[in-house]
Amino acid sequence: TICRLEEEAKRKALKIKDLIPLYEPFISHLKRPDEIIRELNNISKTSLGEKPVSQLTVKDLNEFMIKASEHGNTKRTINKKITLLYGMVNKLYKKQIVSKDDVKLPPKPEKQAETDSSHDRRYFQPEERRALIEAAKETDSPWLYPAIIVSLNTGVRPQSLFSLIWRDIDWNSSTLLLRAEHMKTKDTWTIPLNQNAVD
């Protein structure tokens, strides 16, 4: 009986950092599992990781979200962090690795309206673009200058940019194919290239 009680106490004392290794095998098939694990590890180092998961409260989650916002996280990023945490716990329930009696999160906070993305966006001023291009010319990395030129002239995200291969370029139509597997939206896009990007 004492052993059983001790085992129950251990299960109820599980923190986020204890759940991550249990969750990792179930996301190995995803596109970027290492990023998910890294983000969960970051969450485990915040105030949410100080208590056992079963002791977390709505107040704890709200305080975490406020602090994340104060540290410059957008509402979209905060929503993603909360979704990752709840996704991990729900997957462990589904796979019967932990039970809801032992590891229980409070009700999931309402998703924050992601109205801050466009307001927080800032574009390079002409003098900033020129300074960035000149700095890129002077680096020892031969790929950096063309990468910056293509990025500035197309708006392609780094993940998609660094995944390009030669056959993604259609020289006849001056377009660039962004393949779905490297796109955040999981859609295939074809975008026009201006003369700077073509050069």
Protein backbone atom coordinates (compact mmCIF):
# COMPACT_ATOMS: atom_id res chain seq x y z
CA THR A 1 0.00 0.00 0.00
CA ILE A 2 2.83 2.39 0.87
CA CYS A 3 4.56 1.67 -2.47
CA ARG A 4 1.31 2.29 -4.34
CA LEU A 5 0.80 5.61 -2.57
CA GLU A 6 4.39 6.64 -3.30
CA GLU A 7 3.93 5.77 -6.99
CA GLU A 8 0.69 7.78 -7.15
CA ALA A 9 2.44 10.75 -5.53
CA LYS A 10 5.25 10.58 -8.11
CA ARG A 11 2.77 10.58 -10.98
CA LYS A 12 0.90 13.55 -9.54
CA ALA A 13 4.20 15.43 -9.13
CA LEU A 14 5.09 15.26 -12.84
CA LYS A 15 6.20 18.60 -14.24
CA ILE A 16 6.30 19.76 -17.86
CA LYS A 17 9.99 18.77 -18.13
CA ASP A 18 9.04 15.22 -17.07
CA LEU A 19 6.33 14.93 -19.73
CA ILE A 20 8.48 16.06 -22.67
CA PRO A 21 10.56 12.82 -22.97
CA LEU A 22 7.31 10.81 -22.77
CA TYR A 23 5.80 12.88 -25.58
CA GLU A 24 8.82 12.97 -27.89
CA PRO A 25 8.34 9.51 -29.50
CA PHE A 26 4.83 10.46 -30.64
CA ILE A 27 5.91 13.46 -32.72
CA SER A 28 8.98 12.01 -34.47
CA HIS A 29 6.97 11.73 -37.72
CA LEU A 30 6.13 15.45 -37.79
CA LYS A 31 7.99 17.89 -40.02
CA ARG A 32 9.98 19.71 -37.34
CA PRO A 33 9.69 17.75 -34.08
CA ASP A 34 12.91 19.31 -32.76
CA GLU A 35 11.30 22.78 -32.85
CA ILE A 36 8.27 21.51 -30.91
CA ILE A 37 10.50 19.94 -28.26
CA ARG A 38 12.65 23.07 -28.05
CA GLU A 39 9.55 25.24 -27.54
CA LEU A 40 8.18 22.88 -24.86
CA ASN A 41 11.55 22.94 -23.11
CA ASN A 42 11.41 26.74 -23.16
CA ILE A 43 7.93 26.62 -21.62
CA SER A 44 9.23 24.25 -18.93
CA LYS A 45 11.77 26.91 -17.91
CA THR A 46 9.06 29.49 -17.24
CA SER A 47 6.81 29.80 -14.20
CA LEU A 48 4.62 27.03 -15.65
CA GLY A 49 7.46 24.57 -15.21
CA GLU A 50 7.96 25.28 -11.52
CA LYS A 51 4.87 23.39 -10.32
CA PRO A 52 3.61 19.88 -11.04
CA VAL A 53 1.24 20.03 -14.01
CA SER A 54 -1.70 18.87 -11.89
CA GLN A 55 -1.21 21.92 -9.61
CA LEU A 56 -1.27 24.53 -12.38
CA THR A 57 -4.19 26.93 -12.20
CA VAL A 58 -5.98 29.30 -14.55
CA LYS A 59 -4.17 32.11 -12.73
CA ASP A 60 -0.79 30.49 -13.51
CA LEU A 61 -1.67 30.29 -17.20
CA ASN A 62 -2.88 33.90 -17.30
CA GLU A 63 0.30 35.12 -15.59
CA PHE A 64 2.41 33.13 -18.07
CA MET A 65 0.54 34.72 -20.99
CA ILE A 66 0.96 38.22 -19.55
CA LYS A 67 4.70 37.72 -19.01
CA ALA A 68 5.11 36.28 -22.51
CA SER A 69 3.40 39.37 -23.91
CA GLU A 70 5.63 41.66 -21.83
CA HIS A 71 8.66 39.87 -23.31
CA GLY A 72 7.54 40.79 -26.83
CA ASN A 73 5.62 37.66 -27.85
CA THR A 74 2.69 38.29 -30.18
CA LYS A 75 -0.74 36.91 -29.37
CA ARG A 76 -0.29 34.40 -32.16
CA THR A 77 2.95 33.13 -30.58
CA ILE A 78 1.35 32.93 -27.14
CA ASN A 79 -1.60 30.97 -28.58
CA LYS A 80 0.88 28.58 -30.18
CA LYS A 81 2.71 28.01 -26.87
CA ILE A 82 -0.54 27.20 -25.07
CA THR A 83 -1.65 24.90 -27.90
CA LEU A 84 1.67 23.00 -27.77
CA LEU A 85 1.34 22.47 -24.01
CA TYR A 86 -2.25 21.21 -24.18
CA GLY A 87 -1.48 19.16 -27.30
CA MET A 88 1.30 17.35 -25.46
CA VAL A 89 -0.85 16.51 -22.45
CA ASN A 90 -3.82 15.42 -24.58
CA LYS A 91 -1.61 13.13 -26.67
CA LEU A 92 -0.25 11.52 -23.49
CA TYR A 93 -3.85 10.98 -22.30
CA LYS A 94 -4.79 9.43 -25.63
CA LYS A 95 -1.78 7.11 -25.59
CA GLN A 96 -2.52 6.23 -21.94
CA ILE A 97 0.93 7.33 -20.82
CA VAL A 98 -0.58 9.50 -18.10
CA SER A 99 -4.09 9.67 -16.73
CA LYS A 100 -6.31 12.69 -16.18
CA ASP A 101 -6.35 11.80 -12.50
CA ASP A 102 -2.60 12.29 -12.24
CA VAL A 103 -1.82 15.01 -14.78
CA LYS A 104 -4.64 17.47 -15.17
CA LEU A 105 -4.41 20.90 -16.74
CA PRO A 106 -6.99 23.58 -15.95
CA PRO A 107 -9.46 24.50 -18.72
CA LYS A 108 -7.60 25.79 -21.77
CA PRO A 109 -7.60 29.59 -21.95
CA GLU A 110 -9.58 31.20 -24.72
CA LYS A 111 -7.55 31.80 -27.84
CA GLN A 112 -6.42 35.41 -27.98
CA ALA A 113 -7.56 37.40 -30.99
CA GLU A 114 -4.51 37.60 -33.22
CA THR A 115 -5.02 41.24 -34.15
CA ASP A 116 -1.48 42.34 -33.35
CA SER A 117 0.36 40.74 -36.27
CA SER A 118 -0.21 43.45 -38.86
CA HIS A 119 0.18 46.28 -36.35
CA ASP A 120 3.54 44.97 -35.14
CA ARG A 121 4.91 44.45 -38.64
CA ARG A 122 7.58 46.92 -39.67
CA TYR A 123 9.21 47.14 -43.07
CA PHE A 124 12.77 48.16 -43.87
CA GLN A 125 13.19 51.80 -44.74
CA PRO A 126 15.15 52.49 -47.98
CA GLU A 127 18.30 53.44 -46.05
CA GLU A 128 18.02 50.25 -43.96
CA ARG A 129 17.73 48.11 -47.10
CA ARG A 130 20.82 49.76 -48.57
CA ALA A 131 22.79 49.28 -45.32
CA LEU A 132 21.79 45.60 -45.13
CA ILE A 133 22.80 44.96 -48.74
CA GLU A 134 26.14 46.70 -48.33
CA ALA A 135 26.87 44.76 -45.13
CA ALA A 136 26.01 41.48 -46.87
CA LYS A 137 28.48 42.25 -49.66
CA GLU A 138 31.30 42.52 -47.14
CA THR A 139 30.75 39.19 -45.36
CA ASP A 140 32.81 36.05 -45.93
CA SER A 141 29.65 34.01 -46.61
CA PRO A 142 29.11 33.81 -50.38
CA TRP A 143 25.46 32.75 -49.97
CA LEU A 144 24.40 35.65 -47.74
CA TYR A 145 24.28 38.43 -50.34
CA PRO A 146 22.11 36.55 -52.87
CA ALA A 147 19.90 35.25 -50.05
CA ILE A 148 19.25 38.79 -48.82
CA ILE A 149 18.64 40.11 -52.34
CA VAL A 150 16.10 37.35 -53.09
CA SER A 151 14.45 37.77 -49.69
CA LEU A 152 14.14 41.56 -49.99
CA ASN A 153 12.72 41.30 -53.50
CA THR A 154 10.29 38.44 -52.95
CA GLY A 155 9.37 38.37 -49.26
CA VAL A 156 10.17 34.64 -49.10
CA ARG A 157 10.50 33.32 -45.55
CA PRO A 158 13.94 31.95 -44.53
CA GLN A 159 12.70 28.35 -44.24
CA SER A 160 11.37 28.42 -47.81
CA LEU A 161 14.34 30.39 -49.11
CA PHE A 162 16.94 27.98 -47.73
CA SER A 163 15.00 25.00 -49.11
CA LEU A 164 15.08 26.21 -52.73
CA ILE A 165 16.66 24.07 -55.41
CA TRP A 166 17.54 25.12 -58.96
CA ARG A 167 14.52 23.49 -60.59
CA ASP A 168 12.23 25.70 -58.45
CA ILE A 169 13.20 28.60 -60.71
CA ASP A 170 11.42 29.04 -64.04
CA TRP A 171 13.77 31.29 -65.99
CA ASN A 172 11.37 31.64 -68.93
CA SER A 173 8.54 33.09 -66.87
CA SER A 174 10.78 34.62 -64.15
CA THR A 175 8.88 32.87 -61.37
CA LEU A 176 9.82 30.95 -58.27
CA LEU A 177 8.07 27.80 -57.06
CA LEU A 178 7.70 27.54 -53.28
CA ARG A 179 6.96 23.90 -52.54
CA ALA A 180 4.26 23.02 -50.01
CA GLU A 181 6.54 20.92 -47.81
CA HIS A 182 8.64 23.99 -47.04
CA MET A 183 5.77 26.45 -46.62
CA LYS A 184 4.27 27.48 -43.31
CA THR A 185 0.76 27.28 -44.84
CA LYS A 186 1.48 23.89 -46.47
CA ASP A 187 0.37 25.34 -49.82
CA THR A 188 2.39 25.50 -53.03
CA TRP A 189 2.99 29.05 -54.24
CA THR A 190 4.39 30.48 -57.45
CA ILE A 191 5.69 34.01 -57.10
CA PRO A 192 7.06 36.43 -59.69
CA LEU A 193 10.70 37.47 -59.66
CA ASN A 194 11.65 41.05 -60.43
CA GLN A 195 14.84 41.80 -62.32
CA ASN A 196 16.91 42.24 -59.13
CA ALA A 197 15.93 38.77 -57.94
CA VAL A 198 16.54 37.23 -61.38
CA ASP A 199 19.98 38.79 -61.55
